[in-house]
Amino acid sequence: WIFVLPPAVLGLIFGALARDRGAVTLNAVVA
């Protein structure tokens, strides 16, 4: 709840904004 889901969601958002497919995939798998 504290150390996985919030950073993963933020990483998904920033990865989508940067259009970085690898970062989006990493964060989606972790989430």
PDB file of all heavy atoms in Angstrom:
ATOM      1  N   TRP A   1       0.823  -1.210   0.000  1.00  0.00           N
ATOM      2  CA  TRP A   1       0.000   0.000   0.000  1.00  0.00           C
ATOM      3  C   TRP A   1       0.856   1.259   0.000  1.00  0.00           C
ATOM      4  O   TRP A   1       0.444   2.282  -0.542  1.00  0.00           O
ATOM      5  CB  TRP A   1      -0.917   0.036   1.212  1.00  0.00           C
ATOM      6  CG  TRP A   1      -2.092  -0.856   1.092  1.00  0.00           C
ATOM      7  CD1 TRP A   1      -2.332  -1.965   1.839  1.00  0.00           C
ATOM      8  CD2 TRP A   1      -3.176  -0.738   0.188  1.00  0.00           C
ATOM      9  NE1 TRP A   1      -3.508  -2.536   1.446  1.00  0.00           N
ATOM     10  CE2 TRP A   1      -4.053  -1.800   0.434  1.00  0.00           C
ATOM     11  CE3 TRP A   1      -3.502   0.171  -0.819  1.00  0.00           C
ATOM     12  CZ2 TRP A   1      -5.230  -1.985  -0.269  1.00  0.00           C
ATOM     13  CZ3 TRP A   1      -4.669  -0.016  -1.523  1.00  0.00           C
ATOM     14  CH2 TRP A   1      -5.517  -1.076  -1.251  1.00  0.00           C
ATOM     15  N   ILE A   2       2.027   1.214   0.642  1.00  0.00           N
ATOM     16  CA  ILE A   2       2.837   2.412   0.842  1.00  0.00           C
ATOM     17  C   ILE A   2       4.000   2.508  -0.142  1.00  0.00           C
ATOM     18  O   ILE A   2       4.237   3.559  -0.733  1.00  0.00           O
ATOM     19  CB  ILE A   2       3.377   2.443   2.284  1.00  0.00           C
ATOM     20  CG1 ILE A   2       2.221   2.426   3.273  1.00  0.00           C
ATOM     21  CG2 ILE A   2       4.271   3.656   2.515  1.00  0.00           C
ATOM     22  CD1 ILE A   2       2.638   2.163   4.699  1.00  0.00           C
ATOM     23  N   PHE A   3       4.731   1.399  -0.308  1.00  0.00           N
ATOM     24  CA  PHE A   3       5.990   1.443  -1.044  1.00  0.00           C
ATOM     25  C   PHE A   3       5.937   0.828  -2.435  1.00  0.00           C
ATOM     26  O   PHE A   3       6.944   0.834  -3.134  1.00  0.00           O
ATOM     27  CB  PHE A   3       7.092   0.740  -0.247  1.00  0.00           C
ATOM     28  CG  PHE A   3       7.397   1.408   1.051  1.00  0.00           C
ATOM     29  CD1 PHE A   3       7.126   0.771   2.247  1.00  0.00           C
ATOM     30  CD2 PHE A   3       7.929   2.684   1.088  1.00  0.00           C
ATOM     31  CE1 PHE A   3       7.390   1.376   3.451  1.00  0.00           C
ATOM     32  CE2 PHE A   3       8.194   3.300   2.281  1.00  0.00           C
ATOM     33  CZ  PHE A   3       7.929   2.657   3.471  1.00  0.00           C
ATOM     34  N   VAL A   4       4.803   0.282  -2.838  1.00  0.00           N
ATOM     35  CA  VAL A   4       4.740  -0.347  -4.160  1.00  0.00           C
ATOM     36  C   VAL A   4       3.732   0.351  -5.065  1.00  0.00           C
ATOM     37  O   VAL A   4       4.098   0.837  -6.141  1.00  0.00           O
ATOM     38  CB  VAL A   4       4.410  -1.852  -4.039  1.00  0.00           C
ATOM     39  CG1 VAL A   4       4.257  -2.475  -5.405  1.00  0.00           C
ATOM     40  CG2 VAL A   4       5.494  -2.562  -3.257  1.00  0.00           C
ATOM     41  N   LEU A   5       2.485   0.397  -4.658  1.00  0.00           N
ATOM     42  CA  LEU A   5       1.449   0.915  -5.559  1.00  0.00           C
ATOM     43  C   LEU A   5       1.581   2.412  -5.872  1.00  0.00           C
ATOM     44  O   LEU A   5       1.500   2.780  -7.049  1.00  0.00           O
ATOM     45  CB  LEU A   5       0.064   0.573  -5.022  1.00  0.00           C
ATOM     46  CG  LEU A   5      -0.264  -0.926  -5.031  1.00  0.00           C
ATOM     47  CD1 LEU A   5      -1.644  -1.168  -4.461  1.00  0.00           C
ATOM     48  CD2 LEU A   5      -0.156  -1.494  -6.415  1.00  0.00           C
ATOM     49  N   PRO A   6       1.792   3.297  -4.889  1.00  0.00           N
ATOM     50  CA  PRO A   6       1.931   4.709  -5.261  1.00  0.00           C
ATOM     51  C   PRO A   6       3.120   5.017  -6.185  1.00  0.00           C
ATOM     52  O   PRO A   6       2.933   5.702  -7.203  1.00  0.00           O
ATOM     53  CB  PRO A   6       2.071   5.426  -3.917  1.00  0.00           C
ATOM     54  CG  PRO A   6       1.401   4.531  -2.944  1.00  0.00           C
ATOM     55  CD  PRO A   6       1.679   3.137  -3.429  1.00  0.00           C
ATOM     56  N   PRO A   7       4.337   4.496  -5.902  1.00  0.00           N
ATOM     57  CA  PRO A   7       5.426   4.769  -6.854  1.00  0.00           C
ATOM     58  C   PRO A   7       5.195   4.134  -8.219  1.00  0.00           C
ATOM     59  O   PRO A   7       5.573   4.709  -9.244  1.00  0.00           O
ATOM     60  CB  PRO A   7       6.662   4.163  -6.185  1.00  0.00           C
ATOM     61  CG  PRO A   7       6.335   4.032  -4.768  1.00  0.00           C
ATOM     62  CD  PRO A   7       4.857   3.845  -4.697  1.00  0.00           C
ATOM     63  N   ALA A   8       4.571   2.958  -8.251  1.00  0.00           N
ATOM     64  CA  ALA A   8       4.304   2.315  -9.538  1.00  0.00           C
ATOM     65  C   ALA A   8       3.312   3.125 -10.366  1.00  0.00           C
ATOM     66  O   ALA A   8       3.474   3.264 -11.584  1.00  0.00           O
ATOM     67  CB  ALA A   8       3.794   0.890  -9.323  1.00  0.00           C
ATOM     68  N   VAL A   9       2.293   3.664  -9.722  1.00  0.00           N
ATOM     69  CA  VAL A   9       1.317   4.490 -10.444  1.00  0.00           C
ATOM     70  C   VAL A   9       1.972   5.787 -10.931  1.00  0.00           C
ATOM     71  O   VAL A   9       1.747   6.214 -12.066  1.00  0.00           O
ATOM     72  CB  VAL A   9       0.083   4.765  -9.557  1.00  0.00           C
ATOM     73  CG1 VAL A   9      -0.818   5.807 -10.178  1.00  0.00           C
ATOM     74  CG2 VAL A   9      -0.674   3.482  -9.304  1.00  0.00           C
ATOM     75  N   LEU A  10       2.782   6.404 -10.077  1.00  0.00           N
ATOM     76  CA  LEU A  10       3.504   7.609 -10.522  1.00  0.00           C
ATOM     77  C   LEU A  10       4.450   7.285 -11.676  1.00  0.00           C
ATOM     78  O   LEU A  10       4.574   8.062 -12.624  1.00  0.00           O
ATOM     79  CB  LEU A  10       4.291   8.210  -9.356  1.00  0.00           C
ATOM     80  CG  LEU A  10       3.491   8.981  -8.327  1.00  0.00           C
ATOM     81  CD1 LEU A  10       4.393   9.398  -7.168  1.00  0.00           C
ATOM     82  CD2 LEU A  10       2.856  10.195  -8.954  1.00  0.00           C
ATOM     83  N   GLY A  11       5.129   6.150 -11.595  1.00  0.00           N
ATOM     84  CA  GLY A  11       6.000   5.735 -12.693  1.00  0.00           C
ATOM     85  C   GLY A  11       5.235   5.491 -13.977  1.00  0.00           C
ATOM     86  O   GLY A  11       5.716   5.797 -15.068  1.00  0.00           O
ATOM     87  N   LEU A  12       4.022   4.922 -13.854  1.00  0.00           N
ATOM     88  CA  LEU A  12       3.178   4.740 -15.033  1.00  0.00           C
ATOM     89  C   LEU A  12       2.810   6.074 -15.665  1.00  0.00           C
ATOM     90  O   LEU A  12       2.860   6.234 -16.891  1.00  0.00           O
ATOM     91  CB  LEU A  12       1.897   3.997 -14.648  1.00  0.00           C
ATOM     92  CG  LEU A  12       1.926   2.491 -14.665  1.00  0.00           C
ATOM     93  CD1 LEU A  12       0.672   1.932 -14.025  1.00  0.00           C
ATOM     94  CD2 LEU A  12       2.075   1.982 -16.061  1.00  0.00           C
ATOM     95  N   ILE A  13       2.457   7.034 -14.829  1.00  0.00           N
ATOM     96  CA  ILE A  13       2.070   8.351 -15.342  1.00  0.00           C
ATOM     97  C   ILE A  13       3.253   9.033 -16.017  1.00  0.00           C
ATOM     98  O   ILE A  13       3.143   9.525 -17.150  1.00  0.00           O
ATOM     99  CB  ILE A  13       1.499   9.216 -14.208  1.00  0.00           C
ATOM    100  CG1 ILE A  13       0.166   8.642 -13.726  1.00  0.00           C
ATOM    101  CG2 ILE A  13       1.324  10.658 -14.657  1.00  0.00           C
ATOM    102  CD1 ILE A  13      -0.341   9.253 -12.443  1.00  0.00           C
ATOM    103  N   PHE A  14       4.402   9.068 -15.335  1.00  0.00           N
ATOM    104  CA  PHE A  14       5.575   9.725 -15.908  1.00  0.00           C
ATOM    105  C   PHE A  14       6.088   8.981 -17.142  1.00  0.00           C
ATOM    106  O   PHE A  14       6.560   9.597 -18.102  1.00  0.00           O
ATOM    107  CB  PHE A  14       6.697   9.850 -14.882  1.00  0.00           C
ATOM    108  CG  PHE A  14       6.407  10.859 -13.807  1.00  0.00           C
ATOM    109  CD1 PHE A  14       6.761  10.610 -12.495  1.00  0.00           C
ATOM    110  CD2 PHE A  14       5.793  12.058 -14.089  1.00  0.00           C
ATOM    111  CE1 PHE A  14       6.510  11.527 -11.495  1.00  0.00           C
ATOM    112  CE2 PHE A  14       5.522  12.981 -13.110  1.00  0.00           C
ATOM    113  CZ  PHE A  14       5.882  12.718 -11.804  1.00  0.00           C
ATOM    114  N   GLY A  15       6.000   7.659 -17.139  1.00  0.00           N
ATOM    115  CA  GLY A  15       6.416   6.888 -18.309  1.00  0.00           C
ATOM    116  C   GLY A  15       5.518   7.142 -19.505  1.00  0.00           C
ATOM    117  O   GLY A  15       5.979   7.211 -20.640  1.00  0.00           O
ATOM    118  N   ALA A  16       4.221   7.282 -19.243  1.00  0.00           N
ATOM    119  CA  ALA A  16       3.296   7.575 -20.339  1.00  0.00           C
ATOM    120  C   ALA A  16       3.528   8.976 -20.894  1.00  0.00           C
ATOM    121  O   ALA A  16       3.446   9.191 -22.105  1.00  0.00           O
ATOM    122  CB  ALA A  16       1.853   7.428 -19.861  1.00  0.00           C
ATOM    123  N   LEU A  17       3.809   9.920 -20.000  1.00  0.00           N
ATOM    124  CA  LEU A  17       4.093  11.280 -20.465  1.00  0.00           C
ATOM    125  C   LEU A  17       5.386  11.352 -21.274  1.00  0.00           C
ATOM    126  O   LEU A  17       5.485  12.123 -22.225  1.00  0.00           O
ATOM    127  CB  LEU A  17       4.163  12.240 -19.278  1.00  0.00           C
ATOM    128  CG  LEU A  17       2.840  12.530 -18.565  1.00  0.00           C
ATOM    129  CD1 LEU A  17       3.089  13.393 -17.333  1.00  0.00           C
ATOM    130  CD2 LEU A  17       1.870  13.205 -19.505  1.00  0.00           C
ATOM    131  N   ALA A  18       6.372  10.545 -20.875  1.00  0.00           N
ATOM    132  CA  ALA A  18       7.649  10.535 -21.595  1.00  0.00           C
ATOM    133  C   ALA A  18       7.627   9.592 -22.794  1.00  0.00           C
ATOM    134  O   ALA A  18       8.595   9.540 -23.552  1.00  0.00           O
ATOM    135  CB  ALA A  18       8.768  10.122 -20.646  1.00  0.00           C
ATOM    136  N   ARG A  19       6.546   8.844 -22.939  1.00  0.00           N
ATOM    137  CA  ARG A  19       6.396   7.860 -24.012  1.00  0.00           C
ATOM    138  C   ARG A  19       7.523   6.828 -23.995  1.00  0.00           C
ATOM    139  O   ARG A  19       8.073   6.459 -25.039  1.00  0.00           O
ATOM    140  CB  ARG A  19       6.327   8.546 -25.366  1.00  0.00           C
ATOM    141  CG  ARG A  19       5.112   9.409 -25.489  1.00  0.00           C
ATOM    142  CD  ARG A  19       4.979  10.002 -26.843  1.00  0.00           C
ATOM    143  NE  ARG A  19       3.794  10.853 -26.861  1.00  0.00           N
ATOM    144  CZ  ARG A  19       3.607  11.785 -27.742  1.00  0.00           C
ATOM    145  NH1 ARG A  19       4.487  11.998 -28.690  1.00  0.00           N
ATOM    146  NH2 ARG A  19       2.514  12.514 -27.697  1.00  0.00           N
ATOM    147  N   ASP A  20       7.841   6.376 -22.783  1.00  0.00           N
ATOM    148  CA  ASP A  20       8.879   5.363 -22.593  1.00  0.00           C
ATOM    149  C   ASP A  20       8.200   4.021 -22.354  1.00  0.00           C
ATOM    150  O   ASP A  20       7.657   3.779 -21.285  1.00  0.00           O
ATOM    151  CB  ASP A  20       9.769   5.746 -21.406  1.00  0.00           C
ATOM    152  CG  ASP A  20      10.966   4.838 -21.260  1.00  0.00           C
ATOM    153  OD1 ASP A  20      11.178   3.994 -22.153  1.00  0.00           O
ATOM    154  OD2 ASP A  20      11.688   4.979 -20.254  1.00  0.00           O
ATOM    155  N   ARG A  21       8.227   3.180 -23.354  1.00  0.00           N
ATOM    156  CA  ARG A  21       7.512   1.911 -23.294  1.00  0.00           C
ATOM    157  C   ARG A  21       8.093   0.982 -22.223  1.00  0.00           C
ATOM    158  O   ARG A  21       7.360   0.266 -21.551  1.00  0.00           O
ATOM    159  CB  ARG A  21       7.565   1.243 -24.650  1.00  0.00           C
ATOM    160  CG  ARG A  21       6.852  -0.072 -24.685  1.00  0.00           C
ATOM    161  CD  ARG A  21       6.870  -0.659 -26.046  1.00  0.00           C
ATOM    162  NE  ARG A  21       5.490  -0.779 -26.491  1.00  0.00           N
ATOM    163  CZ  ARG A  21       5.151  -1.055 -27.712  1.00  0.00           C
ATOM    164  NH1 ARG A  21       6.049  -1.207 -28.633  1.00  0.00           N
ATOM    165  NH2 ARG A  21       3.884  -1.172 -28.035  1.00  0.00           N
ATOM    166  N   GLY A  22       9.398   0.984 -22.060  1.00  0.00           N
ATOM    167  CA  GLY A  22      10.027   0.120 -21.063  1.00  0.00           C
ATOM    168  C   GLY A  22       9.634   0.492 -19.646  1.00  0.00           C
ATOM    169  O   GLY A  22       9.361  -0.377 -18.812  1.00  0.00           O
ATOM    170  N   ALA A  23       9.592   1.780 -19.347  1.00  0.00           N
ATOM    171  CA  ALA A  23       9.212   2.242 -18.009  1.00  0.00           C
ATOM    172  C   ALA A  23       7.746   1.937 -17.728  1.00  0.00           C
ATOM    173  O   ALA A  23       7.395   1.540 -16.609  1.00  0.00           O
ATOM    174  CB  ALA A  23       9.486   3.733 -17.868  1.00  0.00           C
ATOM    175  N   VAL A  24       6.900   2.099 -18.730  1.00  0.00           N
ATOM    176  CA  VAL A  24       5.474   1.799 -18.555  1.00  0.00           C
ATOM    177  C   VAL A  24       5.289   0.313 -18.293  1.00  0.00           C
ATOM    178  O   VAL A  24       4.529  -0.088 -17.402  1.00  0.00           O
ATOM    179  CB  VAL A  24       4.659   2.258 -19.784  1.00  0.00           C
ATOM    180  CG1 VAL A  24       3.238   1.733 -19.722  1.00  0.00           C
ATOM    181  CG2 VAL A  24       4.667   3.766 -19.880  1.00  0.00           C
ATOM    182  N   THR A  25       6.007  -0.527 -19.024  1.00  0.00           N
ATOM    183  CA  THR A  25       5.910  -1.972 -18.830  1.00  0.00           C
ATOM    184  C   THR A  25       6.400  -2.378 -17.446  1.00  0.00           C
ATOM    185  O   THR A  25       5.746  -3.171 -16.754  1.00  0.00           O
ATOM    186  CB  THR A  25       6.716  -2.709 -19.916  1.00  0.00           C
ATOM    187  OG1 THR A  25       6.253  -2.303 -21.197  1.00  0.00           O
ATOM    188  CG2 THR A  25       6.575  -4.207 -19.766  1.00  0.00           C
ATOM    189  N   LEU A  26       7.542  -1.840 -17.028  1.00  0.00           N
ATOM    190  CA  LEU A  26       8.087  -2.149 -15.704  1.00  0.00           C
ATOM    191  C   LEU A  26       7.107  -1.775 -14.605  1.00  0.00           C
ATOM    192  O   LEU A  26       6.803  -2.577 -13.720  1.00  0.00           O
ATOM    193  CB  LEU A  26       9.413  -1.416 -15.495  1.00  0.00           C
ATOM    194  CG  LEU A  26      10.000  -1.448 -14.084  1.00  0.00           C
ATOM    195  CD1 LEU A  26      10.430  -2.855 -13.717  1.00  0.00           C
ATOM    196  CD2 LEU A  26      11.141  -0.470 -13.967  1.00  0.00           C
ATOM    197  N   ASN A  27       6.590  -0.567 -14.665  1.00  0.00           N
ATOM    198  CA  ASN A  27       5.677  -0.095 -13.635  1.00  0.00           C
ATOM    199  C   ASN A  27       4.343  -0.836 -13.671  1.00  0.00           C
ATOM    200  O   ASN A  27       3.745  -1.095 -12.616  1.00  0.00           O
ATOM    201  CB  ASN A  27       5.461   1.407 -13.766  1.00  0.00           C
ATOM    202  CG  ASN A  27       6.673   2.171 -13.308  1.00  0.00           C
ATOM    203  OD1 ASN A  27       7.091   2.063 -12.176  1.00  0.00           O
ATOM    204  ND2 ASN A  27       7.261   2.939 -14.210  1.00  0.00           N
ATOM    205  N   ALA A  28       3.877  -1.201 -14.839  1.00  0.00           N
ATOM    206  CA  ALA A  28       2.624  -1.954 -14.935  1.00  0.00           C
ATOM    207  C   ALA A  28       2.781  -3.348 -14.332  1.00  0.00           C
ATOM    208  O   ALA A  28       1.901  -3.817 -13.599  1.00  0.00           O
ATOM    209  CB  ALA A  28       2.174  -2.051 -16.388  1.00  0.00           C
ATOM    210  N   VAL A  29       3.895  -4.002 -14.607  1.00  0.00           N
ATOM    211  CA  VAL A  29       4.134  -5.340 -14.054  1.00  0.00           C
ATOM    212  C   VAL A  29       4.243  -5.272 -12.539  1.00  0.00           C
ATOM    213  O   VAL A  29       3.659  -6.094 -11.817  1.00  0.00           O
ATOM    214  CB  VAL A  29       5.398  -5.965 -14.682  1.00  0.00           C
ATOM    215  CG1 VAL A  29       5.849  -7.198 -13.916  1.00  0.00           C
ATOM    216  CG2 VAL A  29       5.150  -6.304 -16.133  1.00  0.00           C
ATOM    217  N   VAL A  30       4.968  -4.281 -12.025  1.00  0.00           N
ATOM    218  CA  VAL A  30       5.118  -4.139 -10.578  1.00  0.00           C
ATOM    219  C   VAL A  30       3.771  -3.839  -9.926  1.00  0.00           C
ATOM    220  O   VAL A  30       3.440  -4.409  -8.882  1.00  0.00           O
ATOM    221  CB  VAL A  30       6.162  -3.043 -10.250  1.00  0.00           C
ATOM    222  CG1 VAL A  30       6.138  -2.683  -8.786  1.00  0.00           C
ATOM    223  CG2 VAL A  30       7.547  -3.493 -10.660  1.00  0.00           C
ATOM    224  N   ALA A  31       2.971  -2.976 -10.531  1.00  0.00           N
ATOM    225  CA  ALA A  31       1.662  -2.643  -9.970  1.00  0.00           C
ATOM    226  C   ALA A  31       0.731  -3.858  -9.974  1.00  0.00           C
ATOM    227  O   ALA A  31       0.018  -4.095  -8.993  1.00  0.00           O
ATOM    228  CB  ALA A  31       1.028  -1.490 -10.741  1.00  0.00           C
TER     229      ALA A  31
END
